[in-house]
Amino acid sequence: MTRTPASRRDDYPVFRRLQTRWMDNDQYGHMNNAVHYALFDTAVNGWLIEEGLLAETGAEAYFLVAETGCHYHSELAFPGWVDAGLRIAHLGTTSAVYHIGLFAEGSGTAAADGRFVHVHVVRGTHRPMPIPEAARQVLARLFPAA
């Protein structure tokens, strides 16, 4: 099996700094693999909140997680900071595919690389709905520099 190479800091246009917690470590002294997914969710949704794209409770439509995945490259642990790099890998009519790199403080190579798919859906039916143009323009800021 061929290993996927770790991403680099310069692969990402936006970063969010996240602090590890005591409870993140497992019995082996490093971050439990499930915590990486919580960090992906926190990084993406924190950015969406800052950009005004996270729907209010009663909104007609919102982004729903349809898929996640992770490639682990090296350990992360408490205590420490994690820099979560964000980029859009694909922006479709109704969905956005994010790539998230989790970097230990000061590291140029990702300790983990994630894939996070959001589908824009109608509340109640969960049927896909086109992403509004204003939201698409904001999401486009996460495209990596050419």
Protein backbone atom coordinates (compact mmCIF):
# COMPACT_ATOMS: atom_id res chain seq x y z
CA MET A 1 0.00 0.00 0.00
CA THR A 2 1.31 3.43 -0.93
CA ARG A 3 1.20 5.98 1.90
CA THR A 4 -0.34 9.36 1.19
CA PRO A 5 2.30 12.05 1.78
CA ALA A 6 1.61 14.65 4.47
CA SER A 7 0.50 18.08 3.35
CA ARG A 8 2.60 21.20 3.99
CA ARG A 9 1.64 24.51 5.61
CA ASP A 10 1.88 26.38 2.33
CA ASP A 11 -0.89 24.14 0.92
CA TYR A 12 -3.48 26.06 2.99
CA PRO A 13 -4.75 29.64 2.64
CA VAL A 14 -6.39 29.84 6.11
CA PHE A 15 -5.43 28.56 9.57
CA ARG A 16 -7.31 28.23 12.85
CA ARG A 17 -5.39 27.68 16.09
CA LEU A 18 -6.86 25.03 18.41
CA GLN A 19 -5.68 24.00 21.85
CA THR A 20 -5.41 20.36 22.83
CA ARG A 21 -7.08 19.20 26.04
CA TRP A 22 -6.10 16.80 28.80
CA MET A 23 -8.86 14.42 27.76
CA ASP A 24 -7.54 14.24 24.17
CA ASN A 25 -4.70 11.88 25.10
CA ASP A 26 -5.24 8.14 25.26
CA GLN A 27 -3.46 5.52 27.34
CA TYR A 28 -0.50 5.62 24.93
CA GLY A 29 0.20 9.30 25.70
CA HIS A 30 -0.86 10.76 22.36
CA MET A 31 -4.07 12.17 20.92
CA ASN A 32 -6.73 9.53 20.38
CA ASN A 33 -7.58 9.11 16.70
CA ALA A 34 -11.23 10.12 17.21
CA VAL A 35 -10.17 13.58 18.47
CA HIS A 36 -8.82 14.45 15.01
CA TYR A 37 -12.37 14.36 13.66
CA ALA A 38 -13.57 16.74 16.40
CA LEU A 39 -10.74 19.11 15.45
CA PHE A 40 -11.78 18.96 11.77
CA ASP A 41 -15.36 19.81 12.75
CA THR A 42 -14.23 22.62 15.08
CA ALA A 43 -11.92 24.14 12.45
CA VAL A 44 -14.46 24.11 9.61
CA ASN A 45 -17.45 25.26 11.67
CA GLY A 46 -15.42 27.87 13.56
CA TRP A 47 -14.39 29.39 10.23
CA LEU A 48 -17.99 29.23 8.95
CA ILE A 49 -19.18 31.07 12.08
CA GLU A 50 -16.54 33.79 11.63
CA GLU A 51 -17.57 34.19 7.99
CA GLY A 52 -21.31 34.30 8.77
CA LEU A 53 -22.09 31.05 6.95
CA LEU A 54 -23.20 28.82 9.81
CA ALA A 55 -27.00 28.70 9.68
CA GLU A 56 -29.12 29.76 12.61
CA THR A 57 -31.29 27.12 14.25
CA GLY A 58 -34.39 28.01 12.20
CA ALA A 59 -32.72 28.62 8.82
CA GLU A 60 -34.29 27.13 5.69
CA ALA A 61 -31.06 25.34 4.73
CA TYR A 62 -27.75 24.43 6.32
CA PHE A 63 -24.56 22.44 5.75
CA LEU A 64 -24.68 18.78 6.79
CA VAL A 65 -21.60 16.56 7.10
CA ALA A 66 -21.85 13.76 4.53
CA GLU A 67 -18.36 12.26 4.72
CA THR A 68 -15.12 12.50 6.68
CA GLY A 69 -11.76 10.78 6.47
CA CYS A 70 -8.26 11.05 7.90
CA HIS A 71 -4.69 10.08 7.06
CA TYR A 72 -2.46 10.00 10.14
CA HIS A 73 1.22 10.88 9.71
CA SER A 74 2.60 11.65 13.19
CA GLU A 75 1.44 12.12 16.76
CA LEU A 76 -0.25 15.09 18.37
CA ALA A 77 -0.72 15.35 22.14
CA PHE A 78 -1.72 17.43 25.14
CA PRO A 79 -0.35 19.87 26.13
CA GLY A 80 0.01 21.71 22.88
CA TRP A 81 -1.51 23.78 20.15
CA VAL A 82 -2.70 22.53 16.77
CA ASP A 83 -2.82 24.76 13.71
CA ALA A 84 -5.64 23.56 11.46
CA GLY A 85 -5.10 24.52 7.84
CA LEU A 86 -8.25 24.83 5.71
CA ARG A 87 -8.72 24.68 1.98
CA ILE A 88 -11.51 23.85 -0.44
CA ALA A 89 -10.64 20.94 -2.70
CA HIS A 90 -13.93 21.05 -4.61
CA LEU A 91 -16.91 23.40 -4.65
CA GLY A 92 -19.91 21.83 -6.35
CA THR A 93 -23.47 23.03 -6.85
CA THR A 94 -24.68 21.66 -3.51
CA SER A 95 -21.51 20.56 -1.71
CA ALA A 96 -18.06 21.61 -0.59
CA VAL A 97 -15.10 19.30 -0.02
CA TYR A 98 -12.63 20.62 2.55
CA HIS A 99 -9.12 19.42 3.15
CA ILE A 100 -7.85 20.06 6.67
CA GLY A 101 -4.23 19.72 7.75
CA LEU A 102 -3.53 19.40 11.47
CA PHE A 103 -0.08 20.76 12.31
CA ALA A 104 1.75 20.59 15.62
CA GLU A 105 2.91 24.03 16.69
CA GLY A 106 5.96 25.02 14.62
CA SER A 107 5.77 22.01 12.28
CA GLY A 108 5.77 22.52 8.52
CA THR A 109 4.35 19.05 7.84
CA ALA A 110 0.85 17.91 8.80
CA ALA A 111 0.50 15.34 11.58
CA ALA A 112 -2.87 14.42 10.04
CA ASP A 113 -4.73 15.27 6.85
CA GLY A 114 -8.52 15.23 6.78
CA ARG A 115 -11.28 15.27 4.22
CA PHE A 116 -14.60 16.81 5.25
CA VAL A 117 -17.62 16.97 2.92
CA HIS A 118 -20.48 19.37 3.59
CA VAL A 119 -23.74 19.16 1.63
CA HIS A 120 -26.07 22.17 1.64
CA VAL A 121 -29.49 20.72 2.51
CA VAL A 122 -33.08 21.83 3.09
CA ARG A 123 -34.05 21.66 6.75
CA GLY A 124 -36.53 18.88 7.43
CA THR A 125 -36.05 16.92 4.20
CA HIS A 126 -32.23 16.89 4.09
CA ARG A 127 -32.47 17.09 0.30
CA PRO A 128 -29.55 18.87 -1.39
CA MET A 129 -30.09 22.54 -2.21
CA PRO A 130 -27.78 24.77 -4.31
CA ILE A 131 -25.28 26.78 -2.29
CA PRO A 132 -26.27 30.48 -2.57
CA GLU A 133 -23.93 32.64 -4.65
CA ALA A 134 -22.96 34.86 -1.69
CA ALA A 135 -21.88 31.77 0.28
CA ARG A 136 -19.99 30.41 -2.74
CA GLN A 137 -17.97 33.63 -2.92
CA VAL A 138 -16.98 33.31 0.74
CA LEU A 139 -16.13 29.60 0.38
CA ALA A 140 -14.00 30.40 -2.68
CA ARG A 141 -11.57 32.22 -0.35
CA LEU A 142 -10.48 28.76 0.78
CA PHE A 143 -9.19 27.77 -2.65
CA PRO A 144 -5.40 27.38 -2.49
CA ALA A 145 -3.31 30.02 -4.26
CA ALA A 146 -2.44 29.08 -7.82
